[in-house]
Amino acid sequence: MATTPTTTDSRGMATGANRTATTRRFAQTLRVALALTAGLLGGHAVHADATASHRVTVRLEPVSALALEGGDIELAVPRPQDGAPSSASDASCRLDWLTNQASHKITVASSLPSSRLPLSVEAVSAEGGSPVGSVTLTAAAQDLVVSLARGAGHCRLRYTAQASGLEQPTPEVHLITYTLTDLR
């Protein structure tokens, strides 16, 4: 096969009749390449599309958060009159929680194993859970709010201290701990 000299422009592209001859040679080469490829593949059609797949698992970690608003509290129980018990209450603190899990509750415990002046706490105006009522505090964790809903919730904390008047007038300092845990 005789070749004709190729004339190119400044970009190296074939020009005029040379462009037509170059295009024809390219088309012929492409046909031969496709025929050879089809022969190597056993006559199966060649597809230009290709795919690949894999799984991606997205997992959300458990979220459990508690926050106390209101700071430390001092309850001053007034002197009992005529031997009758006396008490003092405070509901200035708020407990906030957030969870994305079902079957959770909030427990409460004191740092003191026992107390001369009984101290109790009650979750009032609770939203997002069911309060159990007044709990007399000890060192053992006790349920305060159960059946927490997924999401945010809160309650007011009403502390009440009682005295009969026969106790020695020295203060008791409790460190109160709230824990968000599962119902077990």
N, C-alpha and C. Protein backbone atom coordinates (compact mmCIF):
# COMPACT_ATOMS: atom_id res chain seq x y z
N MET A 1 0.84 -1.17 0.00
CA MET A 1 0.00 0.00 0.00
C MET A 1 0.88 1.22 0.00
N ALA A 2 0.64 2.12 -0.93
CA ALA A 2 1.44 3.32 -1.07
C ALA A 2 0.93 4.36 -0.10
N THR A 3 1.84 5.07 0.51
CA THR A 3 1.43 6.13 1.43
C THR A 3 1.69 7.46 0.78
N THR A 4 0.83 8.37 1.06
CA THR A 4 1.02 9.71 0.55
C THR A 4 1.55 10.56 1.68
N PRO A 5 2.39 11.49 1.35
CA PRO A 5 2.92 12.34 2.41
C PRO A 5 1.77 13.10 3.07
N THR A 6 1.87 13.25 4.39
CA THR A 6 0.82 13.91 5.16
C THR A 6 1.19 15.36 5.36
N THR A 7 0.24 16.23 5.06
CA THR A 7 0.43 17.65 5.30
C THR A 7 -0.31 17.99 6.58
N THR A 8 0.35 18.71 7.49
CA THR A 8 -0.29 19.06 8.77
C THR A 8 -0.30 20.56 8.96
N ASP A 9 -1.22 21.00 9.79
CA ASP A 9 -1.27 22.43 10.12
C ASP A 9 -0.38 22.68 11.33
N SER A 10 -0.44 23.91 11.90
CA SER A 10 0.44 24.29 13.01
C SER A 10 0.15 23.47 14.28
N ARG A 11 -1.02 22.86 14.38
CA ARG A 11 -1.37 22.04 15.55
C ARG A 11 -1.00 20.58 15.34
N GLY A 12 -0.46 20.22 14.21
CA GLY A 12 -0.11 18.84 13.93
C GLY A 12 -1.26 18.03 13.38
N MET A 13 -2.36 18.69 12.99
CA MET A 13 -3.54 18.01 12.47
C MET A 13 -3.41 17.88 10.96
N ALA A 14 -3.89 16.74 10.42
CA ALA A 14 -3.86 16.53 8.97
C ALA A 14 -4.79 17.54 8.30
N THR A 15 -4.41 17.95 7.10
CA THR A 15 -5.21 18.95 6.39
C THR A 15 -5.72 18.38 5.08
N GLY A 16 -6.86 18.94 4.62
CA GLY A 16 -7.42 18.65 3.31
C GLY A 16 -7.62 17.17 3.04
N ALA A 17 -7.09 16.71 1.84
CA ALA A 17 -7.25 15.32 1.42
C ALA A 17 -6.54 14.40 2.40
N ASN A 18 -5.48 14.91 3.01
CA ASN A 18 -4.75 14.09 3.98
C ASN A 18 -5.62 13.77 5.20
N ARG A 19 -6.48 14.73 5.59
CA ARG A 19 -7.36 14.50 6.75
C ARG A 19 -8.33 13.37 6.44
N THR A 20 -8.88 13.35 5.23
CA THR A 20 -9.82 12.30 4.86
C THR A 20 -9.12 10.95 4.86
N ALA A 21 -7.92 10.87 4.35
CA ALA A 21 -7.17 9.62 4.32
C ALA A 21 -6.83 9.17 5.74
N THR A 22 -6.46 10.11 6.59
CA THR A 22 -6.13 9.78 7.98
C THR A 22 -7.35 9.26 8.72
N THR A 23 -8.50 9.89 8.49
CA THR A 23 -9.74 9.45 9.13
C THR A 23 -10.10 8.05 8.68
N ARG A 24 -9.93 7.78 7.37
CA ARG A 24 -10.23 6.44 6.86
C ARG A 24 -9.30 5.40 7.48
N ARG A 25 -8.02 5.70 7.62
CA ARG A 25 -7.08 4.75 8.23
C ARG A 25 -7.44 4.49 9.69
N PHE A 26 -7.83 5.52 10.39
CA PHE A 26 -8.22 5.38 11.80
C PHE A 26 -9.46 4.49 11.93
N ALA A 27 -10.46 4.73 11.09
CA ALA A 27 -11.69 3.94 11.13
C ALA A 27 -11.39 2.47 10.83
N GLN A 28 -10.51 2.23 9.86
CA GLN A 28 -10.16 0.86 9.50
C GLN A 28 -9.41 0.20 10.66
N THR A 29 -8.48 0.90 11.28
CA THR A 29 -7.73 0.36 12.42
C THR A 29 -8.68 0.04 13.57
N LEU A 30 -9.65 0.92 13.81
CA LEU A 30 -10.62 0.71 14.88
C LEU A 30 -11.46 -0.54 14.61
N ARG A 31 -11.90 -0.73 13.35
CA ARG A 31 -12.69 -1.92 13.01
C ARG A 31 -11.87 -3.19 13.24
N VAL A 32 -10.62 -3.18 12.86
CA VAL A 32 -9.76 -4.35 13.05
C VAL A 32 -9.59 -4.63 14.54
N ALA A 33 -9.36 -3.58 15.33
CA ALA A 33 -9.18 -3.75 16.78
C ALA A 33 -10.43 -4.31 17.42
N LEU A 34 -11.61 -3.82 17.02
CA LEU A 34 -12.86 -4.33 17.58
C LEU A 34 -13.10 -5.77 17.18
N ALA A 35 -12.76 -6.12 15.94
CA ALA A 35 -12.94 -7.50 15.47
C ALA A 35 -12.02 -8.44 16.25
N LEU A 36 -10.77 -8.03 16.46
CA LEU A 36 -9.83 -8.85 17.22
C LEU A 36 -10.30 -9.01 18.67
N THR A 37 -10.79 -7.93 19.27
CA THR A 37 -11.27 -7.97 20.65
C THR A 37 -12.47 -8.89 20.76
N ALA A 38 -13.39 -8.81 19.81
CA ALA A 38 -14.57 -9.68 19.82
C ALA A 38 -14.14 -11.13 19.67
N GLY A 39 -13.12 -11.40 18.84
CA GLY A 39 -12.63 -12.76 18.67
C GLY A 39 -12.00 -13.28 19.96
N LEU A 40 -11.26 -12.44 20.66
CA LEU A 40 -10.64 -12.85 21.93
C LEU A 40 -11.69 -13.12 23.00
N LEU A 41 -12.81 -12.43 22.93
CA LEU A 41 -13.87 -12.60 23.92
C LEU A 41 -14.87 -13.67 23.51
N GLY A 42 -14.53 -14.46 22.52
CA GLY A 42 -15.40 -15.55 22.10
C GLY A 42 -16.63 -15.08 21.37
N GLY A 43 -16.54 -13.98 20.69
CA GLY A 43 -17.67 -13.49 19.91
C GLY A 43 -18.69 -12.73 20.73
N HIS A 44 -18.42 -12.51 22.02
CA HIS A 44 -19.37 -11.76 22.84
C HIS A 44 -19.26 -10.27 22.52
N ALA A 45 -20.37 -9.62 22.66
CA ALA A 45 -20.39 -8.19 22.39
C ALA A 45 -19.54 -7.46 23.43
N VAL A 46 -18.93 -6.38 23.02
CA VAL A 46 -18.11 -5.57 23.90
C VAL A 46 -18.98 -4.43 24.43
N HIS A 47 -19.04 -4.29 25.75
CA HIS A 47 -19.82 -3.22 26.36
C HIS A 47 -18.88 -2.13 26.88
N ALA A 48 -19.27 -0.92 26.69
CA ALA A 48 -18.46 0.20 27.14
C ALA A 48 -18.71 0.50 28.62
N ASP A 49 -19.88 0.08 29.18
CA ASP A 49 -20.19 0.37 30.58
C ASP A 49 -19.58 -0.68 31.49
N ALA A 50 -19.15 -0.24 32.68
CA ALA A 50 -18.63 -1.14 33.70
C ALA A 50 -19.15 -0.65 35.05
N THR A 51 -19.46 -1.55 35.94
CA THR A 51 -19.96 -1.16 37.26
C THR A 51 -19.22 -1.92 38.34
N ALA A 52 -19.24 -1.37 39.54
CA ALA A 52 -18.70 -2.02 40.73
C ALA A 52 -19.58 -1.60 41.90
N SER A 53 -19.76 -2.48 42.84
CA SER A 53 -20.64 -2.18 43.97
C SER A 53 -19.99 -2.62 45.27
N HIS A 54 -20.39 -1.98 46.37
CA HIS A 54 -20.05 -2.44 47.72
C HIS A 54 -21.06 -1.85 48.70
N ARG A 55 -21.07 -2.39 49.91
CA ARG A 55 -22.01 -1.92 50.93
C ARG A 55 -21.35 -0.87 51.80
N VAL A 56 -22.14 0.10 52.20
CA VAL A 56 -21.71 1.11 53.16
C VAL A 56 -22.72 1.07 54.31
N THR A 57 -22.25 0.78 55.50
CA THR A 57 -23.12 0.73 56.67
C THR A 57 -22.92 2.01 57.46
N VAL A 58 -24.01 2.69 57.75
CA VAL A 58 -23.96 3.91 58.55
C VAL A 58 -24.57 3.57 59.90
N ARG A 59 -23.83 3.78 60.95
CA ARG A 59 -24.28 3.43 62.29
C ARG A 59 -24.21 4.68 63.17
N LEU A 60 -25.26 4.92 63.91
CA LEU A 60 -25.29 6.05 64.84
C LEU A 60 -24.96 5.54 66.23
N GLU A 61 -23.96 6.13 66.83
CA GLU A 61 -23.57 5.73 68.18
C GLU A 61 -24.63 6.17 69.18
N PRO A 62 -24.76 5.44 70.30
CA PRO A 62 -25.72 5.84 71.34
C PRO A 62 -25.38 7.21 71.91
N VAL A 63 -26.42 7.98 72.17
CA VAL A 63 -26.24 9.31 72.77
C VAL A 63 -26.96 9.31 74.11
N SER A 64 -26.25 9.68 75.15
CA SER A 64 -26.83 9.83 76.48
C SER A 64 -26.15 11.03 77.14
N ALA A 65 -26.94 12.03 77.48
CA ALA A 65 -26.38 13.23 78.10
C ALA A 65 -27.31 13.73 79.20
N LEU A 66 -26.70 14.21 80.29
CA LEU A 66 -27.42 14.81 81.41
C LEU A 66 -26.79 16.14 81.73
N ALA A 67 -27.60 17.10 82.15
CA ALA A 67 -27.07 18.40 82.58
C ALA A 67 -27.94 18.93 83.71
N LEU A 68 -27.28 19.50 84.71
CA LEU A 68 -27.97 20.14 85.84
C LEU A 68 -27.88 21.64 85.67
N GLU A 69 -28.99 22.31 85.84
CA GLU A 69 -29.02 23.77 85.82
C GLU A 69 -29.46 24.26 87.18
N GLY A 70 -28.77 25.25 87.71
CA GLY A 70 -29.21 25.85 88.96
C GLY A 70 -28.18 25.89 90.06
N GLY A 71 -27.14 25.11 90.00
CA GLY A 71 -26.06 25.19 90.99
C GLY A 71 -26.36 24.50 92.31
N ASP A 72 -25.48 24.77 93.29
CA ASP A 72 -25.60 24.16 94.61
C ASP A 72 -26.78 24.73 95.37
N ILE A 73 -27.29 23.95 96.32
CA ILE A 73 -28.47 24.33 97.10
C ILE A 73 -28.13 24.23 98.58
N GLU A 74 -28.67 25.14 99.35
CA GLU A 74 -28.58 25.05 100.81
C GLU A 74 -29.99 25.11 101.36
N LEU A 75 -30.38 24.06 102.07
CA LEU A 75 -31.70 24.00 102.69
C LEU A 75 -31.55 24.31 104.18
N ALA A 76 -32.23 25.33 104.63
CA ALA A 76 -32.22 25.70 106.05
C ALA A 76 -33.56 25.30 106.65
N VAL A 77 -33.54 24.22 107.44
CA VAL A 77 -34.77 23.72 108.05
C VAL A 77 -35.06 24.59 109.28
N PRO A 78 -36.25 25.20 109.34
CA PRO A 78 -36.57 26.04 110.50
C PRO A 78 -36.69 25.19 111.77
N ARG A 79 -36.48 25.85 112.89
CA ARG A 79 -36.59 25.16 114.18
C ARG A 79 -38.02 24.65 114.34
N PRO A 80 -38.16 23.37 114.68
CA PRO A 80 -39.50 22.81 114.87
C PRO A 80 -40.23 23.49 116.04
N GLN A 81 -41.52 23.63 115.89
CA GLN A 81 -42.36 24.23 116.93
C GLN A 81 -43.13 23.12 117.64
N ASP A 82 -43.18 23.18 118.95
CA ASP A 82 -43.97 22.26 119.77
C ASP A 82 -43.67 20.79 119.47
N GLY A 83 -42.40 20.47 119.13
CA GLY A 83 -42.02 19.09 118.91
C GLY A 83 -42.47 18.49 117.59
N ALA A 84 -43.15 19.26 116.76
CA ALA A 84 -43.60 18.77 115.46
C ALA A 84 -42.44 18.83 114.46
N PRO A 85 -42.33 17.86 113.56
CA PRO A 85 -41.27 17.91 112.55
C PRO A 85 -41.38 19.17 111.69
N SER A 86 -40.24 19.58 111.16
CA SER A 86 -40.19 20.76 110.31
C SER A 86 -39.46 20.37 109.02
N SER A 87 -39.72 21.10 107.95
CA SER A 87 -39.06 20.78 106.68
C SER A 87 -38.75 22.05 105.90
N ALA A 88 -37.86 21.89 104.93
CA ALA A 88 -37.52 22.97 103.99
C ALA A 88 -37.42 22.35 102.61
N SER A 89 -37.89 23.08 101.60
CA SER A 89 -37.88 22.58 100.22
C SER A 89 -37.26 23.60 99.28
N ASP A 90 -36.77 23.10 98.15
CA ASP A 90 -36.22 23.95 97.10
C ASP A 90 -36.44 23.26 95.76
N ALA A 91 -36.95 24.00 94.79
CA ALA A 91 -37.15 23.45 93.44
C ALA A 91 -36.52 24.36 92.39
N SER A 92 -35.35 24.92 92.72
CA SER A 92 -34.71 25.87 91.81
C SER A 92 -33.84 25.19 90.75
N CYS A 93 -33.56 23.91 90.90
CA CYS A 93 -32.70 23.22 89.92
C CYS A 93 -33.54 22.48 88.88
N ARG A 94 -32.93 22.34 87.73
CA ARG A 94 -33.57 21.63 86.62
C ARG A 94 -32.59 20.58 86.12
N LEU A 95 -33.14 19.43 85.75
CA LEU A 95 -32.35 18.35 85.17
C LEU A 95 -32.78 18.18 83.72
N ASP A 96 -31.82 18.27 82.79
CA ASP A 96 -32.08 18.10 81.35
C ASP A 96 -31.40 16.82 80.89
N TRP A 97 -32.03 16.12 79.95
CA TRP A 97 -31.42 14.91 79.40
C TRP A 97 -31.68 14.81 77.91
N LEU A 98 -30.85 14.00 77.27
CA LEU A 98 -30.97 13.74 75.83
C LEU A 98 -30.53 12.30 75.60
N THR A 99 -31.34 11.53 74.88
CA THR A 99 -30.97 10.16 74.54
C THR A 99 -31.59 9.76 73.21
N ASN A 100 -30.89 8.93 72.46
CA ASN A 100 -31.46 8.40 71.22
C ASN A 100 -31.78 6.91 71.37
N GLN A 101 -31.89 6.46 72.61
CA GLN A 101 -32.13 5.06 72.89
C GLN A 101 -33.45 4.88 73.64
N ALA A 102 -34.06 3.73 73.45
CA ALA A 102 -35.28 3.40 74.18
C ALA A 102 -34.91 2.67 75.46
N SER A 103 -35.86 2.48 76.35
CA SER A 103 -35.68 1.71 77.58
C SER A 103 -34.60 2.28 78.49
N HIS A 104 -34.65 3.56 78.74
CA HIS A 104 -33.69 4.20 79.63
C HIS A 104 -34.40 4.88 80.79
N LYS A 105 -33.63 5.14 81.85
CA LYS A 105 -34.16 5.77 83.05
C LYS A 105 -33.07 6.64 83.67
N ILE A 106 -33.46 7.45 84.65
CA ILE A 106 -32.52 8.27 85.41
C ILE A 106 -32.58 7.81 86.86
N THR A 107 -31.40 7.53 87.42
CA THR A 107 -31.31 7.15 88.82
C THR A 107 -30.64 8.28 89.60
N VAL A 108 -30.81 8.24 90.93
CA VAL A 108 -30.23 9.26 91.80
C VAL A 108 -29.64 8.57 93.03
N ALA A 109 -28.51 9.10 93.52
CA ALA A 109 -27.87 8.58 94.72
C ALA A 109 -27.17 9.72 95.45
N SER A 110 -26.99 9.56 96.75
CA SER A 110 -26.28 10.53 97.58
C SER A 110 -24.90 9.98 97.92
N SER A 111 -23.99 10.86 98.26
CA SER A 111 -22.66 10.43 98.70
C SER A 111 -22.69 9.91 100.13
N LEU A 112 -23.77 10.20 100.87
CA LEU A 112 -23.88 9.76 102.26
C LEU A 112 -24.68 8.46 102.34
N PRO A 113 -24.13 7.44 103.00
CA PRO A 113 -24.87 6.18 103.11
C PRO A 113 -26.12 6.31 103.97
N SER A 114 -26.09 7.18 104.95
CA SER A 114 -27.27 7.44 105.78
C SER A 114 -27.21 8.90 106.21
N SER A 115 -28.33 9.38 106.73
CA SER A 115 -28.42 10.80 107.06
C SER A 115 -29.21 11.00 108.35
N ARG A 116 -28.74 11.92 109.20
CA ARG A 116 -29.51 12.29 110.40
C ARG A 116 -30.73 13.10 110.00
N LEU A 117 -30.57 13.88 108.94
CA LEU A 117 -31.65 14.74 108.44
C LEU A 117 -32.10 14.16 107.10
N PRO A 118 -33.20 13.46 107.05
CA PRO A 118 -33.63 12.85 105.79
C PRO A 118 -33.76 13.88 104.67
N LEU A 119 -33.16 13.55 103.54
CA LEU A 119 -33.23 14.40 102.35
C LEU A 119 -33.89 13.59 101.24
N SER A 120 -34.88 14.18 100.61
CA SER A 120 -35.55 13.50 99.49
C SER A 120 -35.52 14.41 98.27
N VAL A 121 -35.71 13.80 97.10
CA VAL A 121 -35.80 14.55 95.85
C VAL A 121 -36.97 13.99 95.07
N GLU A 122 -37.62 14.87 94.32
CA GLU A 122 -38.74 14.48 93.47
C GLU A 122 -38.61 15.19 92.14
N ALA A 123 -38.83 14.45 91.06
CA ALA A 123 -38.84 15.04 89.71
C ALA A 123 -40.25 15.59 89.48
N VAL A 124 -40.36 16.91 89.32
CA VAL A 124 -41.67 17.53 89.10
C VAL A 124 -41.69 18.19 87.73
N SER A 125 -42.87 18.34 87.17
CA SER A 125 -43.05 18.94 85.84
C SER A 125 -42.18 18.25 84.80
N ALA A 126 -42.15 16.94 84.84
CA ALA A 126 -41.29 16.17 83.93
C ALA A 126 -41.89 16.10 82.53
N GLU A 127 -41.04 16.25 81.53
CA GLU A 127 -41.41 16.06 80.13
C GLU A 127 -40.39 15.12 79.51
N GLY A 128 -40.88 14.06 78.86
CA GLY A 128 -40.00 13.10 78.21
C GLY A 128 -39.68 11.89 79.07
N GLY A 129 -40.44 11.68 80.16
CA GLY A 129 -40.24 10.52 81.02
C GLY A 129 -41.30 10.50 82.11
N SER A 130 -41.32 9.42 82.89
CA SER A 130 -42.31 9.26 83.95
C SER A 130 -41.63 9.31 85.32
N PRO A 131 -41.91 10.34 86.13
CA PRO A 131 -41.32 10.42 87.46
C PRO A 131 -41.91 9.34 88.38
N VAL A 132 -41.10 8.84 89.32
CA VAL A 132 -41.57 7.80 90.23
C VAL A 132 -42.11 8.37 91.54
N GLY A 133 -41.97 9.67 91.77
CA GLY A 133 -42.41 10.28 93.03
C GLY A 133 -41.21 10.64 93.89
N SER A 134 -41.46 10.94 95.14
CA SER A 134 -40.42 11.35 96.06
C SER A 134 -39.51 10.17 96.42
N VAL A 135 -38.20 10.41 96.42
CA VAL A 135 -37.20 9.38 96.71
C VAL A 135 -36.35 9.87 97.87
N THR A 136 -36.32 9.12 98.99
CA THR A 136 -35.43 9.44 100.11
C THR A 136 -34.03 8.99 99.73
N LEU A 137 -33.09 9.93 99.75
CA LEU A 137 -31.75 9.67 99.22
C LEU A 137 -30.89 8.84 100.15
N THR A 138 -30.20 7.87 99.56
CA THR A 138 -29.19 7.04 100.22
C THR A 138 -28.03 6.88 99.23
N ALA A 139 -27.02 6.11 99.63
CA ALA A 139 -25.88 5.88 98.73
C ALA A 139 -26.24 4.92 97.60
N ALA A 140 -27.32 4.18 97.74
CA ALA A 140 -27.75 3.25 96.68
C ALA A 140 -28.52 4.01 95.60
N ALA A 141 -28.21 3.74 94.35
CA ALA A 141 -28.92 4.39 93.24
C ALA A 141 -30.37 3.94 93.23
N GLN A 142 -31.27 4.91 93.07
CA GLN A 142 -32.71 4.63 93.04
C GLN A 142 -33.31 5.30 91.81
N ASP A 143 -34.36 4.71 91.27
CA ASP A 143 -35.04 5.29 90.11
C ASP A 143 -35.67 6.62 90.48
N LEU A 144 -35.51 7.61 89.58
CA LEU A 144 -36.15 8.92 89.75
C LEU A 144 -37.12 9.18 88.60
N VAL A 145 -36.67 8.94 87.35
CA VAL A 145 -37.51 9.10 86.16
C VAL A 145 -37.31 7.85 85.30
N VAL A 146 -38.41 7.20 84.92
CA VAL A 146 -38.33 5.98 84.11
C VAL A 146 -39.03 6.20 82.78
N SER A 147 -38.92 5.22 81.90
CA SER A 147 -39.59 5.26 80.59
C SER A 147 -39.26 6.53 79.81
N LEU A 148 -37.97 6.85 79.72
CA LEU A 148 -37.57 8.04 78.96
C LEU A 148 -37.90 7.86 77.49
N ALA A 149 -38.43 8.91 76.90
CA ALA A 149 -38.70 8.93 75.46
C ALA A 149 -37.40 9.26 74.73
N ARG A 150 -37.28 8.79 73.49
CA ARG A 150 -36.13 9.21 72.68
C ARG A 150 -36.22 10.70 72.45
N GLY A 151 -35.10 11.37 72.57
CA GLY A 151 -35.07 12.82 72.37
C GLY A 151 -34.70 13.52 73.66
N ALA A 152 -35.11 14.78 73.75
CA ALA A 152 -34.78 15.61 74.90
C ALA A 152 -35.91 15.58 75.92
N GLY A 153 -35.53 15.70 77.18
CA GLY A 153 -36.51 15.77 78.26
C GLY A 153 -35.95 16.61 79.39
N HIS A 154 -36.80 16.93 80.34
CA HIS A 154 -36.35 17.73 81.49
C HIS A 154 -37.35 17.61 82.63
N CYS A 155 -36.91 18.02 83.81
CA CYS A 155 -37.79 18.10 84.98
C CYS A 155 -37.20 19.08 85.98
N ARG A 156 -38.01 19.56 86.87
CA ARG A 156 -37.57 20.34 88.03
C ARG A 156 -37.23 19.35 89.12
N LEU A 157 -36.25 19.68 89.95
CA LEU A 157 -35.86 18.83 91.06
C LEU A 157 -36.30 19.51 92.36
N ARG A 158 -37.21 18.88 93.07
CA ARG A 158 -37.65 19.43 94.35
C ARG A 158 -36.98 18.63 95.47
N TYR A 159 -36.07 19.31 96.19
CA TYR A 159 -35.40 18.71 97.34
C TYR A 159 -36.16 19.10 98.59
N THR A 160 -36.31 18.14 99.51
CA THR A 160 -36.97 18.41 100.79
C THR A 160 -36.14 17.77 101.90
N ALA A 161 -35.80 18.57 102.91
CA ALA A 161 -35.09 18.07 104.10
C ALA A 161 -36.04 18.17 105.29
N GLN A 162 -35.97 17.19 106.18
CA GLN A 162 -36.85 17.18 107.35
C GLN A 162 -36.02 17.07 108.63
N ALA A 163 -36.56 17.64 109.70
CA ALA A 163 -35.92 17.54 111.02
C ALA A 163 -37.00 17.46 112.08
N SER A 164 -36.68 16.70 113.16
CA SER A 164 -37.64 16.59 114.26
C SER A 164 -37.33 17.59 115.36
N GLY A 165 -36.16 18.19 115.32
CA GLY A 165 -35.76 19.15 116.34
C GLY A 165 -34.83 18.54 117.36
N LEU A 166 -34.67 17.23 117.37
CA LEU A 166 -33.80 16.57 118.34
C LEU A 166 -32.41 16.32 117.76
N GLU A 167 -32.21 16.59 116.47
CA GLU A 167 -30.92 16.36 115.82
C GLU A 167 -29.93 17.45 116.25
N GLN A 168 -28.67 17.08 116.21
CA GLN A 168 -27.62 18.05 116.49
C GLN A 168 -27.55 19.03 115.32
N PRO A 169 -27.42 20.32 115.59
CA PRO A 169 -27.47 21.31 114.50
C PRO A 169 -26.15 21.45 113.73
N THR A 170 -25.67 20.37 113.16
CA THR A 170 -24.49 20.43 112.30
C THR A 170 -24.93 20.09 110.88
N PRO A 171 -24.37 20.78 109.89
CA PRO A 171 -24.82 20.56 108.51
C PRO A 171 -24.36 19.20 107.98
N GLU A 172 -25.14 18.66 107.07
CA GLU A 172 -24.78 17.48 106.30
C GLU A 172 -24.66 17.92 104.84
N VAL A 173 -23.57 17.53 104.22
CA VAL A 173 -23.35 17.91 102.83
C VAL A 173 -23.44 16.65 101.97
N HIS A 174 -24.40 16.64 101.08
CA HIS A 174 -24.62 15.51 100.16
C HIS A 174 -24.06 15.89 98.78
N LEU A 175 -23.40 14.96 98.14
CA LEU A 175 -23.08 15.11 96.72
C LEU A 175 -24.08 14.21 96.01
N ILE A 176 -25.00 14.81 95.27
CA ILE A 176 -26.07 14.07 94.61
C ILE A 176 -25.64 13.74 93.18
N THR A 177 -25.76 12.47 92.80
CA THR A 177 -25.35 12.02 91.47
C THR A 177 -26.55 11.46 90.72
N TYR A 178 -26.75 11.99 89.52
CA TYR A 178 -27.81 11.51 88.61
C TYR A 178 -27.14 10.71 87.51
N THR A 179 -27.75 9.60 87.13
CA THR A 179 -27.19 8.73 86.09
C THR A 179 -28.28 8.35 85.10
N LEU A 180 -28.00 8.53 83.81
CA LEU A 180 -28.90 8.08 82.75
C LEU A 180 -28.42 6.68 82.36
N THR A 181 -29.28 5.69 82.51
CA THR A 181 -28.88 4.30 82.30
C THR A 181 -30.03 3.52 81.67
N ASP A 182 -29.75 2.28 81.24
CA ASP A 182 -30.85 1.49 80.69
C ASP A 182 -31.70 0.92 81.82
N LEU A 183 -32.88 0.42 81.49
CA LEU A 183 -33.87 0.02 82.50
C LEU A 183 -33.49 -1.21 83.31
N ARG A 184 -32.48 -1.92 82.95
CA ARG A 184 -32.11 -3.13 83.71
C ARG A 184 -31.75 -2.81 85.11
